[in-house]
Amino acid sequence: MYFAKKGAEEPVTIIEDTTVYACESEACNGWMRKDFSTEDLACPMCGSQMTEEVRELPQIKMDYNPFSK
Protein backbone atom coordinates (compact mmCIF):
# COMPACT_ATOMS: atom_id res chain seq x y z
CA MET A 1 0.00 0.00 0.00
CA TYR A 2 1.06 3.58 -0.64
CA PHE A 3 -0.11 6.49 1.48
CA ALA A 4 0.85 9.99 0.44
CA LYS A 5 0.00 13.37 1.81
CA LYS A 6 -2.07 15.12 -0.79
CA GLY A 7 -1.39 18.79 -1.28
CA ALA A 8 1.72 18.87 0.89
CA GLU A 9 3.83 21.76 -0.32
CA GLU A 10 7.33 22.68 0.69
CA PRO A 11 7.61 26.00 2.53
CA VAL A 12 8.82 28.88 0.39
CA THR A 13 12.09 30.44 1.53
CA ILE A 14 11.79 34.22 1.60
CA ILE A 15 15.05 36.02 0.85
CA GLU A 16 15.37 39.58 2.17
CA ASP A 17 18.03 42.26 2.58
CA THR A 18 19.36 41.88 6.12
CA THR A 19 21.75 44.13 8.04
CA VAL A 20 24.70 42.15 9.39
CA TYR A 21 28.00 42.88 11.10
CA ALA A 22 31.03 41.28 9.39
CA CYS A 23 34.51 40.85 10.86
CA GLU A 24 37.17 43.24 9.51
CA SER A 25 39.98 40.68 9.84
CA GLU A 26 41.14 39.08 6.58
CA ALA A 27 41.81 35.74 8.33
CA CYS A 28 38.29 35.52 9.85
CA ASN A 29 34.99 35.15 8.00
CA GLY A 30 32.74 35.66 11.04
CA TRP A 31 29.49 37.62 10.82
CA MET A 32 26.22 37.96 12.71
CA ARG A 33 22.80 39.46 12.10
CA LYS A 34 22.17 42.88 13.62
CA ASP A 35 19.22 41.45 15.59
CA PHE A 36 21.54 38.98 17.35
CA SER A 37 24.65 41.15 17.75
CA THR A 38 26.38 42.09 21.00
CA GLU A 39 26.70 45.65 22.27
CA ASP A 40 30.50 45.87 21.98
CA LEU A 41 30.50 44.79 18.27
CA ALA A 42 33.55 42.56 18.70
CA CYS A 43 33.85 39.41 16.61
CA PRO A 44 32.97 36.40 18.78
CA MET A 45 35.46 34.24 16.86
CA CYS A 46 38.61 36.39 16.84
CA GLY A 47 37.83 39.57 18.84
CA SER A 48 38.38 42.05 15.97
CA GLN A 49 36.07 44.96 15.22
CA MET A 50 33.07 44.43 12.94
CA THR A 51 31.59 46.60 10.18
CA GLU A 52 27.96 46.91 9.10
CA GLU A 53 26.93 45.33 5.77
CA VAL A 54 23.73 44.36 3.97
CA ARG A 55 23.35 40.77 2.72
CA GLU A 56 20.55 38.79 1.12
CA LEU A 57 19.63 36.11 3.69
CA PRO A 58 16.63 33.88 4.40
CA GLN A 59 14.00 35.45 6.63
CA ILE A 60 13.91 34.24 10.24
CA LYS A 61 10.53 33.95 11.95
CA MET A 62 10.59 35.79 15.26
CA ASP A 63 7.16 34.62 16.46
CA TYR A 64 8.38 32.87 19.60
CA ASN A 65 11.10 34.05 21.94
CA PRO A 66 11.70 31.70 24.89
CA PHE A 67 13.90 34.28 26.63
CA SER A 68 11.33 37.08 26.84
CA LYS A 69 9.23 37.41 29.96
PDB file of N, CA and C in Angstrom:
ATOM      1  N   MET A   1       0.824  -1.175   0.000  1.00  0.00           N
ATOM      2  CA  MET A   1       0.000   0.000   0.000  1.00  0.00           C
ATOM      3  C   MET A   1       0.870   1.240   0.000  1.00  0.00           C
ATOM      4  N   TYR A   2       0.351   2.309  -0.544  1.00  0.00           N
ATOM      5  CA  TYR A   2       1.058   3.579  -0.636  1.00  0.00           C
ATOM      6  C   TYR A   2       0.158   4.679  -0.096  1.00  0.00           C
ATOM      7  N   PHE A   3       0.635   5.376   0.910  1.00  0.00           N
ATOM      8  CA  PHE A   3      -0.114   6.494   1.476  1.00  0.00           C
ATOM      9  C   PHE A   3       0.716   7.760   1.295  1.00  0.00           C
ATOM     10  N   ALA A   4       0.149   8.730   0.663  1.00  0.00           N
ATOM     11  CA  ALA A   4       0.852   9.987   0.439  1.00  0.00           C
ATOM     12  C   ALA A   4       0.014  11.148   0.945  1.00  0.00           C
ATOM     13  N   LYS A   5       0.700  12.168   1.392  1.00  0.00           N
ATOM     14  CA  LYS A   5      -0.001  13.372   1.812  1.00  0.00           C
ATOM     15  C   LYS A   5      -0.356  14.166   0.572  1.00  0.00           C
ATOM     16  N   LYS A   6      -1.637  14.360   0.369  1.00  0.00           N
ATOM     17  CA  LYS A   6      -2.067  15.125  -0.790  1.00  0.00           C
ATOM     18  C   LYS A   6      -1.987  16.609  -0.482  1.00  0.00           C
ATOM     19  N   GLY A   7      -1.462  17.343  -1.426  1.00  0.00           N
ATOM     20  CA  GLY A   7      -1.392  18.786  -1.277  1.00  0.00           C
ATOM     21  C   GLY A   7      -0.294  19.280  -0.352  1.00  0.00           C
ATOM     22  N   ALA A   8       0.619  18.426   0.034  1.00  0.00           N
ATOM     23  CA  ALA A   8       1.718  18.869   0.890  1.00  0.00           C
ATOM     24  C   ALA A   8       2.713  19.649   0.046  1.00  0.00           C
ATOM     25  N   GLU A   9       2.908  20.906   0.421  1.00  0.00           N
ATOM     26  CA  GLU A   9       3.829  21.761  -0.316  1.00  0.00           C
ATOM     27  C   GLU A   9       5.007  22.112   0.578  1.00  0.00           C
ATOM     28  N   GLU A  10       6.149  22.274  -0.049  1.00  0.00           N
ATOM     29  CA  GLU A  10       7.330  22.682   0.692  1.00  0.00           C
ATOM     30  C   GLU A  10       7.220  24.171   1.015  1.00  0.00           C
ATOM     31  N   PRO A  11       7.676  24.570   2.192  1.00  0.00           N
ATOM     32  CA  PRO A  11       7.613  25.998   2.534  1.00  0.00           C
ATOM     33  C   PRO A  11       8.518  26.810   1.613  1.00  0.00           C
ATOM     34  N   VAL A  12       8.070  27.988   1.270  1.00  0.00           N
ATOM     35  CA  VAL A  12       8.822  28.875   0.389  1.00  0.00           C
ATOM     36  C   VAL A  12       9.808  29.672   1.237  1.00  0.00           C
ATOM     37  N   THR A  13      11.069  29.679   0.831  1.00  0.00           N
ATOM     38  CA  THR A  13      12.093  30.440   1.530  1.00  0.00           C
ATOM     39  C   THR A  13      12.059  31.869   1.034  1.00  0.00           C
ATOM     40  N   ILE A  14      11.843  32.803   1.954  1.00  0.00           N
ATOM     41  CA  ILE A  14      11.785  34.221   1.601  1.00  0.00           C
ATOM     42  C   ILE A  14      13.169  34.818   1.834  1.00  0.00           C
ATOM     43  N   ILE A  15      13.745  35.387   0.773  1.00  0.00           N
ATOM     44  CA  ILE A  15      15.054  36.021   0.850  1.00  0.00           C
ATOM     45  C   ILE A  15      14.835  37.528   0.983  1.00  0.00           C
ATOM     46  N   GLU A  16      15.521  38.145   1.956  1.00  0.00           N
ATOM     47  CA  GLU A  16      15.369  39.581   2.167  1.00  0.00           C
ATOM     48  C   GLU A  16      16.720  40.217   2.464  1.00  0.00           C
ATOM     49  N   ASP A  17      16.818  41.531   2.230  1.00  0.00           N
ATOM     50  CA  ASP A  17      18.031  42.264   2.576  1.00  0.00           C
ATOM     51  C   ASP A  17      18.096  42.384   4.090  1.00  0.00           C
ATOM     52  N   THR A  18      19.200  41.926   4.670  1.00  0.00           N
ATOM     53  CA  THR A  18      19.362  41.882   6.119  1.00  0.00           C
ATOM     54  C   THR A  18      20.637  42.610   6.505  1.00  0.00           C
ATOM     55  N   THR A  19      20.567  43.439   7.532  1.00  0.00           N
ATOM     56  CA  THR A  19      21.745  44.131   8.041  1.00  0.00           C
ATOM     57  C   THR A  19      22.524  43.170   8.929  1.00  0.00           C
ATOM     58  N   VAL A  20      23.821  43.030   8.624  1.00  0.00           N
ATOM     59  CA  VAL A  20      24.698  42.150   9.392  1.00  0.00           C
ATOM     60  C   VAL A  20      25.968  42.909   9.763  1.00  0.00           C
ATOM     61  N   TYR A  21      26.672  42.381  10.751  1.00  0.00           N
ATOM     62  CA  TYR A  21      27.998  42.883  11.099  1.00  0.00           C
ATOM     63  C   TYR A  21      29.006  41.821  10.706  1.00  0.00           C
ATOM     64  N   ALA A  22      30.012  42.207   9.879  1.00  0.00           N
ATOM     65  CA  ALA A  22      31.027  41.283   9.393  1.00  0.00           C
ATOM     66  C   ALA A  22      32.385  41.656   9.989  1.00  0.00           C
ATOM     67  N   CYS A  23      33.189  40.661  10.270  1.00  0.00           N
ATOM     68  CA  CYS A  23      34.513  40.854  10.863  1.00  0.00           C
ATOM     69  C   CYS A  23      35.439  41.558   9.862  1.00  0.00           C
ATOM     70  N   GLU A  24      36.238  42.500  10.359  1.00  0.00           N
ATOM     71  CA  GLU A  24      37.170  43.243   9.509  1.00  0.00           C
ATOM     72  C   GLU A  24      38.442  42.458   9.221  1.00  0.00           C
ATOM     73  N   SER A  25      38.747  41.442   9.998  1.00  0.00           N
ATOM     74  CA  SER A  25      39.980  40.679   9.840  1.00  0.00           C
ATOM     75  C   SER A  25      39.941  39.859   8.551  1.00  0.00           C
ATOM     76  N   GLU A  26      41.049  39.844   7.824  1.00  0.00           N
ATOM     77  CA  GLU A  26      41.143  39.078   6.579  1.00  0.00           C
ATOM     78  C   GLU A  26      41.162  37.568   6.854  1.00  0.00           C
ATOM     79  N   ALA A  27      41.682  37.157   8.008  1.00  0.00           N
ATOM     80  CA  ALA A  27      41.811  35.741   8.333  1.00  0.00           C
ATOM     81  C   ALA A  27      40.511  35.145   8.880  1.00  0.00           C
ATOM     82  N   CYS A  28      39.533  35.988   9.225  1.00  0.00           N
ATOM     83  CA  CYS A  28      38.292  35.522   9.848  1.00  0.00           C
ATOM     84  C   CYS A  28      37.119  35.826   8.911  1.00  0.00           C
ATOM     85  N   ASN A  29      36.174  34.901   8.816  1.00  0.00           N
ATOM     86  CA  ASN A  29      34.990  35.153   7.997  1.00  0.00           C
ATOM     87  C   ASN A  29      33.726  35.192   8.859  1.00  0.00           C
ATOM     88  N   GLY A  30      33.871  35.604  10.125  1.00  0.00           N
ATOM     89  CA  GLY A  30      32.741  35.664  11.042  1.00  0.00           C
ATOM     90  C   GLY A  30      31.800  36.815  10.728  1.00  0.00           C
ATOM     91  N   TRP A  31      30.507  36.577  10.959  1.00  0.00           N
ATOM     92  CA  TRP A  31      29.494  37.620  10.818  1.00  0.00           C
ATOM     93  C   TRP A  31      28.290  37.243  11.659  1.00  0.00           C
ATOM     94  N   MET A  32      27.447  38.221  11.960  1.00  0.00           N
ATOM     95  CA  MET A  32      26.221  37.965  12.708  1.00  0.00           C
ATOM     96  C   MET A  32      25.162  38.988  12.315  1.00  0.00           C
ATOM     97  N   ARG A  33      23.914  38.563  12.411  1.00  0.00           N
ATOM     98  CA  ARG A  33      22.802  39.457  12.103  1.00  0.00           C
ATOM     99  C   ARG A  33      22.744  40.569  13.141  1.00  0.00           C
ATOM    100  N   LYS A  34      22.264  41.735  12.712  1.00  0.00           N
ATOM    101  CA  LYS A  34      22.165  42.882  13.615  1.00  0.00           C
ATOM    102  C   LYS A  34      21.237  42.576  14.786  1.00  0.00           C
ATOM    103  N   ASP A  35      20.188  41.795  14.542  1.00  0.00           N
ATOM    104  CA  ASP A  35      19.224  41.453  15.594  1.00  0.00           C
ATOM    105  C   ASP A  35      19.848  40.603  16.697  1.00  0.00           C
ATOM    106  N   PHE A  36      20.916  39.887  16.395  1.00  0.00           N
ATOM    107  CA  PHE A  36      21.541  38.979  17.353  1.00  0.00           C
ATOM    108  C   PHE A  36      22.946  39.430  17.758  1.00  0.00           C
ATOM    109  N   SER A  37      23.302  40.674  17.474  1.00  0.00           N
ATOM    110  CA  SER A  37      24.654  41.151  17.751  1.00  0.00           C
ATOM    111  C   SER A  37      24.816  41.573  19.217  1.00  0.00           C
ATOM    112  N   THR A  38      26.060  41.647  19.644  1.00  0.00           N
ATOM    113  CA  THR A  38      26.380  42.088  20.996  1.00  0.00           C
ATOM    114  C   THR A  38      26.568  43.603  20.995  1.00  0.00           C
ATOM    115  N   GLU A  39      26.592  44.196  22.165  1.00  0.00           N
ATOM    116  CA  GLU A  39      26.703  45.649  22.266  1.00  0.00           C
ATOM    117  C   GLU A  39      28.095  46.169  21.923  1.00  0.00           C
ATOM    118  N   ASP A  40      29.143  45.385  22.210  1.00  0.00           N
ATOM    119  CA  ASP A  40      30.503  45.871  21.980  1.00  0.00           C
ATOM    120  C   ASP A  40      30.955  45.725  20.520  1.00  0.00           C
ATOM    121  N   LEU A  41      30.204  45.009  19.689  1.00  0.00           N
ATOM    122  CA  LEU A  41      30.502  44.788  18.266  1.00  0.00           C
ATOM    123  C   LEU A  41      31.899  44.207  18.045  1.00  0.00           C
ATOM    124  N   ALA A  42      32.304  43.288  18.887  1.00  0.00           N
ATOM    125  CA  ALA A  42      33.554  42.563  18.702  1.00  0.00           C
ATOM    126  C   ALA A  42      33.226  41.186  18.133  1.00  0.00           C
ATOM    127  N   CYS A  43      34.060  40.714  17.233  1.00  0.00           N
ATOM    128  CA  CYS A  43      33.845  39.414  16.613  1.00  0.00           C
ATOM    129  C   CYS A  43      33.923  38.322  17.678  1.00  0.00           C
ATOM    130  N   PRO A  44      32.922  37.454  17.778  1.00  0.00           N
ATOM    131  CA  PRO A  44      32.965  36.396  18.784  1.00  0.00           C
ATOM    132  C   PRO A  44      34.007  35.322  18.481  1.00  0.00           C
ATOM    133  N   MET A  45      34.499  35.272  17.244  1.00  0.00           N
ATOM    134  CA  MET A  45      35.459  34.236  16.861  1.00  0.00           C
ATOM    135  C   MET A  45      36.907  34.687  17.080  1.00  0.00           C
ATOM    136  N   CYS A  46      37.216  35.956  16.737  1.00  0.00           N
ATOM    137  CA  CYS A  46      38.614  36.389  16.840  1.00  0.00           C
ATOM    138  C   CYS A  46      38.803  37.653  17.683  1.00  0.00           C
ATOM    139  N   GLY A  47      37.731  38.385  17.995  1.00  0.00           N
ATOM    140  CA  GLY A  47      37.826  39.569  18.835  1.00  0.00           C
ATOM    141  C   GLY A  47      38.067  40.865  18.090  1.00  0.00           C
ATOM    142  N   SER A  48      38.165  40.836  16.755  1.00  0.00           N
ATOM    143  CA  SER A  48      38.385  42.051  15.974  1.00  0.00           C
ATOM    144  C   SER A  48      37.098  42.876  15.896  1.00  0.00           C
ATOM    145  N   GLN A  49      37.237  44.098  15.411  1.00  0.00           N
ATOM    146  CA  GLN A  49      36.075  44.960  15.219  1.00  0.00           C
ATOM    147  C   GLN A  49      35.248  44.470  14.038  1.00  0.00           C
ATOM    148  N   MET A  50      33.967  44.857  14.010  1.00  0.00           N
ATOM    149  CA  MET A  50      33.072  44.429  12.942  1.00  0.00           C
ATOM    150  C   MET A  50      32.472  45.650  12.254  1.00  0.00           C
ATOM    151  N   THR A  51      32.191  45.523  10.953  1.00  0.00           N
ATOM    152  CA  THR A  51      31.585  46.598  10.184  1.00  0.00           C
ATOM    153  C   THR A  51      30.202  46.184   9.717  1.00  0.00           C
ATOM    154  N   GLU A  52      29.339  47.170   9.510  1.00  0.00           N
ATOM    155  CA  GLU A  52      27.963  46.909   9.104  1.00  0.00           C
ATOM    156  C   GLU A  52      27.880  46.689   7.596  1.00  0.00           C
ATOM    157  N   GLU A  53      27.149  45.657   7.183  1.00  0.00           N
ATOM    158  CA  GLU A  53      26.931  45.329   5.774  1.00  0.00           C
ATOM    159  C   GLU A  53      25.474  44.936   5.571  1.00  0.00           C
ATOM    160  N   VAL A  54      25.064  44.862   4.312  1.00  0.00           N
ATOM    161  CA  VAL A  54      23.735  44.362   3.965  1.00  0.00           C
ATOM    162  C   VAL A  54      23.921  43.132   3.094  1.00  0.00           C
ATOM    163  N   ARG A  55      23.259  42.022   3.478  1.00  0.00           N
ATOM    164  CA  ARG A  55      23.347  40.766   2.724  1.00  0.00           C
ATOM    165  C   ARG A  55      21.948  40.234   2.462  1.00  0.00           C
ATOM    166  N   GLU A  56      21.813  39.449   1.408  1.00  0.00           N
ATOM    167  CA  GLU A  56      20.548  38.790   1.117  1.00  0.00           C
ATOM    168  C   GLU A  56      20.541  37.443   1.827  1.00  0.00           C
ATOM    169  N   LEU A  57      19.692  37.312   2.864  1.00  0.00           N
ATOM    170  CA  LEU A  57      19.631  36.115   3.686  1.00  0.00           C
ATOM    171  C   LEU A  57      18.192  35.644   3.831  1.00  0.00           C
ATOM    172  N   PRO A  58      17.985  34.368   4.150  1.00  0.00           N
ATOM    173  CA  PRO A  58      16.630  33.877   4.400  1.00  0.00           C
ATOM    174  C   PRO A  58      16.013  34.574   5.611  1.00  0.00           C
ATOM    175  N   GLN A  59      14.728  34.804   5.540  1.00  0.00           N
ATOM    176  CA  GLN A  59      14.005  35.446   6.633  1.00  0.00           C
ATOM    177  C   GLN A  59      13.900  34.490   7.816  1.00  0.00           C
ATOM    178  N   ILE A  60      14.050  35.021   9.021  1.00  0.00           N
ATOM    179  CA  ILE A  60      13.909  34.238  10.237  1.00  0.00           C
ATOM    180  C   ILE A  60      12.601  34.650  10.896  1.00  0.00           C
ATOM    181  N   LYS A  61      11.779  33.657  11.248  1.00  0.00           N
ATOM    182  CA  LYS A  61      10.533  33.947  11.949  1.00  0.00           C
ATOM    183  C   LYS A  61      10.847  34.253  13.400  1.00  0.00           C
ATOM    184  N   MET A  62      10.346  35.361  13.885  1.00  0.00           N
ATOM    185  CA  MET A  62      10.589  35.786  15.260  1.00  0.00           C
ATOM    186  C   MET A  62       9.292  35.719  16.068  1.00  0.00           C
ATOM    187  N   ASP A  63       8.444  34.728  15.786  1.00  0.00           N
ATOM    188  CA  ASP A  63       7.158  34.618  16.456  1.00  0.00           C
ATOM    189  C   ASP A  63       7.297  34.252  17.922  1.00  0.00           C
ATOM    190  N   TYR A  64       8.241  33.394  18.247  1.00  0.00           N
ATOM    191  CA  TYR A  64       8.379  32.873  19.600  1.00  0.00           C
ATOM    192  C   TYR A  64       9.761  33.171  20.131  1.00  0.00           C
ATOM    193  N   ASN A  65       9.822  33.784  21.293  1.00  0.00           N
ATOM    194  CA  ASN A  65      11.103  34.054  21.936  1.00  0.00           C
ATOM    195  C   ASN A  65      11.069  33.462  23.333  1.00  0.00           C
ATOM    196  N   PRO A  66      11.765  32.350  23.577  1.00  0.00           N
ATOM    197  CA  PRO A  66      11.698  31.698  24.894  1.00  0.00           C
ATOM    198  C   PRO A  66      12.375  32.505  25.996  1.00  0.00           C
ATOM    199  N   PHE A  67      13.170  33.506  25.642  1.00  0.00           N
ATOM    200  CA  PHE A  67      13.896  34.280  26.635  1.00  0.00           C
ATOM    201  C   PHE A  67      13.158  35.526  27.090  1.00  0.00           C
ATOM    202  N   SER A  68      12.082  35.896  26.409  1.00  0.00           N
ATOM    203  CA  SER A  68      11.326  37.078  26.841  1.00  0.00           C
ATOM    204  C   SER A  68      10.388  36.702  27.971  1.00  0.00           C
ATOM    205  N   LYS A  69      10.099  37.661  28.809  1.00  0.00           N
ATOM    206  CA  LYS A  69       9.232  37.407  29.965  1.00  0.00           C
ATOM    207  C   LYS A  69       7.829  37.853  29.699  1.00  0.00           C
TER     208      LYS A  69
END
